[in-house]
Each structure stands twice: as structure tokens, then as C-alpha cells.
Amino acid sequence: MVQFLPARHNPGTLRRWVHAITACLPLAVLAPAASAIQFDSFDAASHDRFLNNDADNPNFLLAGFDLSGIAKRGNSGSGAVLISPQHFITADHFKPASVNGSVTFRGTDGTDRSYTVTGYDQLTTFGDGSDLSIGTLAAPIDPFTDFINPLPIAFSPSIDDFIGLEVYTFGNGDLAGRNVIIDTGIAEFGSGDPRPSVVLATAFDTVENSGGDGNGPLTDGLGPDEAGLQGGDSGNAALTVIDGQLAVLGAHFGIASGLPDNSLLLPFSQDDPYFSLSTLMSPYLSQINAITQTDGQTFQTLTVTIPEPTTATLLLLGLTLTTLRRRSLHATS
């Protein structure tokens, strides 16, 4: 059973959010080898970071940003996002490389460079091990010679401030799409190793889970770019844009699936991977600071601003959230 504690609820009460959660494990476990991150309407021209010849895709949906701090992933291993010259974030349950293995970044000069990983530090939630890990490289990356730059961390003193933000979701195979954060809270894996983590949640609006109209490409979500996680996507980046600059929100945590048919929460089909969860870095900044300072490194933060609802789409989103919150009050504890 997954327990999810939205920030708006009493911290002393854990509520059941969905029936089960499945970690985004390697593709061989949870998803066909040909699939990973799922899209409303996949288009390699905009959703694939690299072209077939491995060159940078000039039409990639994030092509205008500096992506050098996002490790190349290919079709195996976990994701890694550089947050200091010597440190990166990933999912603790699915790391990109073993100790003494390597991660590869592409510099802004177009050159791929690999760096040795010397260790990992698992961050904690209320003293328990979370699913967020900080990886350490053997030596700091020099941005002036390697042309690789860390990404700033999106920060807010309240995790509720992240609700409503657009999130860019990276997945296995160096693909990326978009979604909107609908909730934040604490989630646990439904296993003997729960790894309680502060997470953000997005919903993938498929026809099967009542999010679409069934007439061709979906029109009531974010359109063709809308994306949800699948097996193999763990550890990859959840990003947002703050004041025109790309910032990292966190690393992918898991998929909420298997909603019981008699659930009072949402009328989604059983086993639809409709909720995607990513661990938020913001609540762990003091721990991150302690780790990076040990190696004489620092990281940058960008403060999240609360988005203003200005379109009919956002008004519709607000209506959906209201329905979700009202129904959640009827969930059994």
C-alpha cells in the first residue's frame, strides 16, 4: 500500500492516496524494451534530445536551454543531473553507475565527456532513508575546459508552492515531455523498503483514465507534449523554468498504479500508470549543502514563484484539483 501525505493535511495523519506504487525500475522489469516515458503523441522531432546520428536535436523542446548538466542516458542505466561541479542527483533505488563506474555529459561544445563516480550519499526523510541520492565524482568538472555546467535547484520554503508549475520530464532513452504538478507530499514504496520521500505528483491524461476525449490526439491535457513515467525512467530529471532559466526540481521516484475499482479517489482504470512521482530536492537542501561542502563545492538555487491562473486551461486544472481534494477527504485512513 502506498501512503501519500499531501502538505495541506495534518502532518500527524497519513492518508491512503492510491492502492500501490511501483518504482520506475529497469525496462526489462516493468515495461517493453521499446518504451519508456509515455507521450500523448510522441514526435521524435521534438521529444528526442538527440538525432539518430547522436547529434544534438535542434528542434528538441528544450533545445534553447543549456542541457550540459543532464547526463546522457541512452537505453540503460539511471539518469543523473549535475548540481555542483562534483555532485549529481539520482534515484537511490536505481543509480546510473556503480562506484568506480562513470556518467557521461555532453558539453556545450558538443563533446561527450565521462567522469568516474566515487560514491553516493542517500538523503533522509525524518531520519529514514529516502529515494534521493547525491552522487560524487572523483574530481570537480571545470566548466571552462569541459563546457559542462551544473543546473540550479528550484527552491521554495513551502512545497505547496510547487503545485501548478509546469514540469519538464526526462525519461529513458534521452526523451523529454511536459506535465503540470498537481500535488506534493510524502510517498512511500509499497514494499519492505518504503523509502519515504517528499515528492511532486503529475497525472498523465490518457483516454483510458478518463483524461481524453478518444478522438485522435488528446486535446484536454497539454497536447502532444504531455508525458508520464514508465518503467526505466527512475533517476531522470524533473525540471522547471524559473525566470527564463532551467532549474532542477528533483529525480523520478515512481509510478502510482493499481487503483482499486471501488476507490473513491478518481475514476481511473485499474493498473493505469496515471500518476508519476518525482522526489523534490527543495526540502533536502540542508543535507545537500552538508555533502557538497565536504568536497568544497557549492550549488545554486532559484526561488519558485507562485504561478498566476490566467487561462481557461488553468481554470480547468483548478476545477480538477478541487474535485481531487474533495474526494481525497473520503479516503480511508
Protein backbone atom coordinates (compact mmCIF):
# COMPACT_ATOMS: atom_id res chain seq x y z
CA MET A 1 0.00 0.00 0.00
CA VAL A 2 1.19 3.48 -0.78
CA GLN A 3 0.73 6.22 1.71
CA PHE A 4 0.77 9.80 0.48
CA LEU A 5 0.71 12.78 2.80
CA PRO A 6 -0.20 15.99 0.97
CA ALA A 7 1.20 19.08 2.65
CA ARG A 8 -2.28 20.52 3.18
CA HIS A 9 -3.22 17.71 5.58
CA ASN A 10 -2.39 17.35 9.26
CA PRO A 11 1.21 16.03 9.45
CA GLY A 12 0.06 13.56 12.08
CA THR A 13 -2.29 11.76 9.69
CA LEU A 14 -1.18 9.58 6.81
CA ARG A 15 -3.88 9.08 4.18
CA ARG A 16 -4.10 6.40 1.52
CA TRP A 17 -3.65 8.12 -1.84
CA VAL A 18 -3.61 5.14 -4.19
CA HIS A 19 -3.53 1.40 -3.79
CA ALA A 20 0.02 0.67 -4.88
CA ILE A 21 3.14 2.28 -6.18
CA THR A 22 5.74 0.76 -8.43
CA ALA A 23 9.25 2.11 -8.64
CA CYS A 24 10.41 3.10 -12.11
CA LEU A 25 12.65 0.06 -12.36
CA PRO A 26 14.70 -1.05 -15.39
CA LEU A 27 12.67 -1.60 -18.55
CA ALA A 28 13.13 -5.36 -18.50
CA VAL A 29 11.12 -5.45 -15.28
CA LEU A 30 8.16 -3.16 -15.88
CA ALA A 31 7.91 -2.09 -19.48
CA PRO A 32 8.63 -3.35 -23.00
CA ALA A 33 12.13 -2.57 -24.25
CA ALA A 34 10.72 -0.25 -26.91
CA SER A 35 9.01 2.05 -24.45
CA ALA A 36 9.84 4.27 -21.52
CA ILE A 37 8.42 7.71 -20.90
CA GLN A 38 4.94 7.76 -22.48
CA PHE A 39 3.57 10.65 -24.51
CA ASP A 40 0.19 11.90 -25.62
CA SER A 41 1.57 11.86 -29.18
CA PHE A 42 5.27 11.01 -29.43
CA ASP A 43 7.20 13.03 -32.01
CA ALA A 44 10.93 12.35 -32.25
CA ALA A 45 11.39 15.75 -33.87
CA SER A 46 10.56 17.49 -30.58
CA HIS A 47 10.76 14.84 -27.85
CA ASP A 48 14.13 13.21 -28.59
CA ARG A 49 17.16 15.10 -27.28
CA PHE A 50 19.44 13.60 -29.93
CA LEU A 51 19.07 12.77 -33.61
CA ASN A 52 19.64 9.29 -35.00
CA ASN A 53 23.30 10.14 -35.63
CA ASP A 54 23.66 11.23 -31.96
CA ALA A 55 23.92 14.90 -32.89
CA ASP A 56 22.01 17.47 -30.81
CA ASN A 57 18.41 17.81 -31.98
CA PRO A 58 17.88 21.49 -32.90
CA ASN A 59 14.09 21.08 -32.58
CA PHE A 60 14.11 19.43 -29.15
CA LEU A 61 11.54 21.07 -26.88
CA LEU A 62 14.34 22.22 -24.53
CA ALA A 63 16.90 22.98 -27.24
CA GLY A 64 17.14 26.64 -26.21
CA PHE A 65 18.49 25.77 -22.76
CA ASP A 66 21.90 24.67 -21.50
CA LEU A 67 21.46 20.89 -21.06
CA SER A 68 25.12 20.09 -20.46
CA GLY A 69 24.45 19.21 -16.80
CA ILE A 70 21.96 16.49 -17.72
CA ALA A 71 23.81 13.22 -18.24
CA LYS A 72 23.38 11.28 -21.45
CA ARG A 73 21.46 8.16 -20.72
CA GLY A 74 20.84 6.17 -23.85
CA ASN A 75 18.83 2.99 -23.18
CA SER A 76 20.33 1.72 -19.94
CA GLY A 77 21.22 2.96 -16.50
CA SER A 78 19.59 5.70 -14.50
CA GLY A 79 19.59 9.44 -15.00
CA ALA A 80 21.96 11.96 -13.40
CA VAL A 81 21.72 15.75 -13.13
CA LEU A 82 24.77 17.80 -12.15
CA ILE A 83 24.02 20.24 -9.29
CA SER A 84 27.59 21.23 -8.37
CA PRO A 85 30.89 20.80 -10.24
CA GLN A 86 31.37 17.49 -8.39
CA HIS A 87 27.87 16.25 -7.49
CA PHE A 88 24.75 14.96 -9.21
CA ILE A 89 21.31 13.78 -8.13
CA THR A 90 19.61 10.50 -8.95
CA ALA A 91 17.18 7.95 -7.52
CA ASP A 92 18.65 5.87 -4.71
CA HIS A 93 16.85 2.72 -5.89
CA PHE A 94 18.25 2.92 -9.43
CA LYS A 95 21.65 4.59 -9.73
CA PRO A 96 23.29 5.45 -13.08
CA ALA A 97 26.61 3.75 -12.31
CA SER A 98 28.26 1.64 -9.65
CA VAL A 99 31.06 3.12 -7.58
CA ASN A 100 34.10 3.47 -9.86
CA GLY A 101 31.73 3.43 -12.84
CA SER A 102 31.15 6.56 -14.92
CA VAL A 103 28.50 9.02 -16.06
CA THR A 104 28.66 10.90 -19.36
CA PHE A 105 27.73 14.51 -20.06
CA ARG A 106 27.72 16.39 -23.35
CA GLY A 107 29.40 19.78 -23.15
CA THR A 108 28.06 22.88 -24.83
CA ASP A 109 30.88 22.37 -27.35
CA GLY A 110 29.22 19.11 -28.47
CA THR A 111 31.86 16.81 -26.93
CA ASP A 112 30.90 13.87 -24.68
CA ARG A 113 32.99 13.51 -21.52
CA SER A 114 32.79 10.74 -18.91
CA TYR A 115 33.57 11.05 -15.19
CA THR A 116 34.23 8.44 -12.52
CA VAL A 117 31.70 8.08 -9.67
CA THR A 118 33.38 7.61 -6.28
CA GLY A 119 30.33 7.25 -4.04
CA TYR A 120 26.71 8.01 -3.15
CA ASP A 121 25.01 9.64 -0.17
CA GLN A 122 21.38 8.68 0.47
CA LEU A 123 19.34 11.60 1.83
CA THR A 124 16.87 11.05 4.66
CA THR A 125 13.25 11.95 5.41
CA PHE A 126 12.61 12.33 9.14
CA GLY A 127 15.59 10.06 9.78
CA ASP A 128 14.56 7.33 7.33
CA GLY A 129 16.36 6.70 4.07
CA SER A 130 14.68 8.46 1.13
CA ASP A 131 14.88 7.67 -2.56
CA LEU A 132 17.09 10.69 -3.32
CA SER A 133 20.85 10.16 -3.60
CA ILE A 134 23.74 12.52 -4.27
CA GLY A 135 26.49 11.04 -6.41
CA THR A 136 30.07 12.29 -6.07
CA LEU A 137 32.59 12.47 -8.92
CA ALA A 138 36.30 11.80 -8.48
CA ALA A 139 37.13 15.44 -9.20
CA PRO A 140 35.21 18.64 -9.93
CA ILE A 141 34.25 19.37 -13.53
CA ASP A 142 35.84 22.57 -14.86
CA PRO A 143 33.15 24.41 -16.85
CA PHE A 144 35.78 26.49 -18.66
CA THR A 145 37.60 23.49 -20.10
CA ASP A 146 34.85 20.84 -20.21
CA PHE A 147 31.94 23.17 -21.11
CA ILE A 148 29.62 21.40 -18.65
CA ASN A 149 27.54 23.42 -16.20
CA PRO A 150 25.53 22.39 -13.12
CA LEU A 151 21.82 23.21 -13.01
CA PRO A 152 20.37 25.35 -10.21
CA ILE A 153 17.90 23.76 -7.78
CA ALA A 154 14.31 25.02 -7.69
CA PHE A 155 13.58 26.13 -4.12
CA SER A 156 10.62 27.25 -2.04
CA PRO A 157 10.11 27.23 1.74
CA SER A 158 6.69 25.61 1.14
CA ILE A 159 6.24 22.54 -1.03
CA ASP A 160 2.71 23.73 -1.84
CA ASP A 161 4.28 26.49 -3.93
CA PHE A 162 5.32 23.88 -6.49
CA ILE A 163 1.70 22.96 -7.27
CA GLY A 164 0.67 24.31 -10.66
CA LEU A 165 4.21 24.58 -12.03
CA GLU A 166 4.92 23.13 -15.44
CA VAL A 167 7.45 20.32 -15.22
CA TYR A 168 9.72 19.02 -17.98
CA THR A 169 10.06 15.27 -17.56
CA PHE A 170 13.14 13.44 -18.84
CA GLY A 171 12.93 9.69 -19.37
CA ASN A 172 14.83 6.67 -20.55
CA GLY A 173 16.38 7.00 -24.00
CA ASP A 174 17.06 10.75 -23.61
CA LEU A 175 13.44 11.66 -24.26
CA ALA A 176 11.52 14.52 -22.63
CA GLY A 177 7.96 15.81 -22.39
CA ARG A 178 5.87 18.12 -20.20
CA ASN A 179 3.28 17.94 -17.44
CA VAL A 180 1.85 20.03 -14.58
CA ILE A 181 2.39 19.41 -10.86
CA ILE A 182 -0.98 18.66 -9.27
CA ASP A 183 0.15 17.82 -5.73
CA THR A 184 3.09 17.47 -3.33
CA GLY A 185 3.58 15.38 -0.22
CA ILE A 186 5.31 12.31 1.19
CA ALA A 187 5.12 8.99 -0.65
CA GLU A 188 6.43 5.53 0.18
CA PHE A 189 7.11 2.45 -1.89
CA GLY A 190 4.63 -0.35 -1.24
CA SER A 191 7.30 -2.80 -0.13
CA GLY A 192 9.55 -3.72 2.75
CA ASP A 193 11.81 -0.82 1.75
CA PRO A 194 9.40 2.16 1.71
CA ARG A 195 11.99 4.99 1.27
CA PRO A 196 9.67 7.82 2.40
CA SER A 197 10.32 10.81 0.16
CA VAL A 198 8.93 14.30 -0.36
CA VAL A 199 7.54 14.15 -3.87
CA LEU A 200 5.72 16.06 -6.58
CA ALA A 201 2.90 14.36 -8.47
CA THR A 202 1.71 14.71 -12.06
CA ALA A 203 -1.18 12.99 -13.86
CA PHE A 204 -0.98 11.60 -17.36
CA ASP A 205 -4.29 12.29 -19.15
CA THR A 206 -4.91 9.23 -21.27
CA VAL A 207 -8.22 8.21 -22.82
CA GLU A 208 -8.14 5.09 -20.64
CA ASN A 209 -8.06 7.06 -17.39
CA SER A 210 -10.84 9.45 -18.46
CA GLY A 211 -8.47 12.27 -19.29
CA GLY A 212 -9.05 12.26 -23.05
CA ASP A 213 -11.90 12.50 -25.49
CA GLY A 214 -10.95 9.46 -27.57
CA ASN A 215 -10.87 11.43 -30.82
CA GLY A 216 -7.30 11.27 -32.06
CA PRO A 217 -4.60 13.21 -30.20
CA LEU A 218 -5.78 14.31 -26.77
CA THR A 219 -6.94 17.92 -26.55
CA ASP A 220 -7.75 18.39 -22.88
CA GLY A 221 -4.28 17.99 -21.42
CA LEU A 222 -1.04 19.64 -22.54
CA GLY A 223 -1.41 18.31 -26.06
CA PRO A 224 1.23 16.19 -27.84
CA ASP A 225 3.98 17.04 -25.29
CA GLU A 226 2.13 15.66 -22.28
CA ALA A 227 4.18 12.87 -20.72
CA GLY A 228 4.00 10.30 -17.93
CA LEU A 229 6.62 7.98 -16.45
CA GLN A 230 7.02 4.30 -17.17
CA GLY A 231 9.45 1.59 -16.11
CA GLY A 232 13.05 2.59 -16.69
CA ASP A 233 12.60 6.32 -16.09
CA SER A 234 13.79 6.45 -12.48
CA GLY A 235 16.53 8.86 -11.52
CA ASN A 236 15.95 11.07 -14.54
CA ALA A 237 15.35 14.78 -14.17
CA ALA A 238 12.19 16.64 -13.32
CA LEU A 239 12.84 20.25 -14.38
CA THR A 240 11.05 23.59 -14.50
CA VAL A 241 11.75 27.08 -15.81
CA ILE A 242 12.14 29.98 -13.36
CA ASP A 243 12.66 33.49 -14.70
CA GLY A 244 13.72 32.07 -18.04
CA GLN A 245 16.30 29.69 -16.55
CA LEU A 246 16.09 25.92 -16.40
CA ALA A 247 16.14 24.56 -12.82
CA VAL A 248 16.02 21.02 -11.45
CA LEU A 249 13.06 20.03 -9.27
CA GLY A 250 14.25 16.53 -8.47
CA ALA A 251 14.66 12.94 -9.68
CA HIS A 252 11.94 10.48 -10.69
CA PHE A 253 10.69 8.31 -7.83
CA GLY A 254 7.92 6.01 -9.05
CA ILE A 255 4.53 5.36 -10.61
CA ALA A 256 1.23 5.17 -8.74
CA SER A 257 -0.83 2.37 -10.25
CA GLY A 258 -3.40 -0.32 -9.50
CA LEU A 259 -6.19 1.89 -8.18
CA PRO A 260 -8.95 -0.36 -6.80
CA ASP A 261 -12.19 -0.40 -8.83
CA ASN A 262 -14.14 0.70 -5.74
CA SER A 263 -11.83 3.61 -4.93
CA LEU A 264 -13.47 6.92 -4.04
CA LEU A 265 -10.46 8.91 -5.23
CA LEU A 266 -10.54 9.02 -9.01
CA PRO A 267 -12.45 7.12 -11.74
CA PHE A 268 -9.33 5.72 -13.44
CA SER A 269 -8.95 2.24 -14.88
CA GLN A 270 -7.18 -0.31 -12.75
CA ASP A 271 -3.40 -0.59 -13.32
CA ASP A 272 -3.19 2.59 -15.40
CA PRO A 273 0.14 4.30 -14.62
CA TYR A 274 -1.65 7.63 -14.36
CA PHE A 275 0.33 9.29 -11.53
CA SER A 276 4.04 9.97 -11.85
CA LEU A 277 6.08 10.92 -8.77
CA SER A 278 9.46 12.64 -8.54
CA THR A 279 11.40 13.36 -5.36
CA LEU A 280 11.64 17.10 -4.65
CA MET A 281 15.11 18.40 -3.82
CA SER A 282 14.00 21.61 -2.11
CA PRO A 283 13.20 20.08 1.33
CA TYR A 284 16.64 18.39 1.39
CA LEU A 285 18.82 21.45 0.75
CA SER A 286 20.48 21.43 4.18
CA GLN A 287 21.58 17.80 3.67
CA ILE A 288 22.75 18.55 0.14
CA ASN A 289 24.72 21.52 1.42
CA ALA A 290 26.47 19.40 4.04
CA ILE A 291 27.53 16.86 1.40
CA THR A 292 28.73 19.35 -1.20
CA GLN A 293 30.59 21.47 1.37
CA THR A 294 32.59 18.42 2.43
CA ASP A 295 34.13 18.45 -1.05
CA GLY A 296 34.49 22.23 -1.10
CA GLN A 297 31.65 22.68 -3.59
CA THR A 298 28.52 24.86 -3.64
CA PHE A 299 25.25 24.80 -5.58
CA GLN A 300 22.86 27.45 -6.83
CA THR A 301 19.14 27.78 -6.06
CA LEU A 302 16.34 29.60 -7.84
CA THR A 303 13.24 30.55 -5.84
CA VAL A 304 9.90 29.31 -7.14
CA THR A 305 7.26 31.96 -7.74
CA ILE A 306 3.59 31.05 -7.40
CA PRO A 307 2.05 30.88 -10.90
CA GLU A 308 -0.94 33.08 -11.67
CA PRO A 309 -4.01 31.43 -13.28
CA THR A 310 -4.56 33.40 -16.47
CA THR A 311 -6.10 30.96 -18.93
CA ALA A 312 -9.14 28.76 -19.26
CA THR A 313 -6.79 25.76 -19.17
CA LEU A 314 -5.58 26.71 -15.70
CA LEU A 315 -9.14 27.28 -14.55
CA LEU A 316 -9.98 23.79 -15.73
CA LEU A 317 -6.94 22.45 -13.87
CA GLY A 318 -8.13 24.20 -10.72
CA LEU A 319 -11.54 22.57 -11.06
CA THR A 320 -9.90 19.17 -11.41
CA LEU A 321 -7.75 19.75 -8.34
CA THR A 322 -10.79 20.78 -6.31
CA THR A 323 -12.52 17.55 -7.26
CA LEU A 324 -9.42 15.53 -6.33
CA ARG A 325 -9.11 17.18 -2.94
CA ARG A 326 -12.77 16.75 -2.09
CA ARG A 327 -12.68 13.10 -2.99
CA SER A 328 -9.46 12.52 -1.05
CA LEU A 329 -11.23 13.56 2.14
CA HIS A 330 -13.32 10.41 1.84
CA ALA A 331 -10.34 8.08 1.55
CA THR A 332 -9.95 5.61 4.36
CA SER A 333 -7.03 6.22 6.71
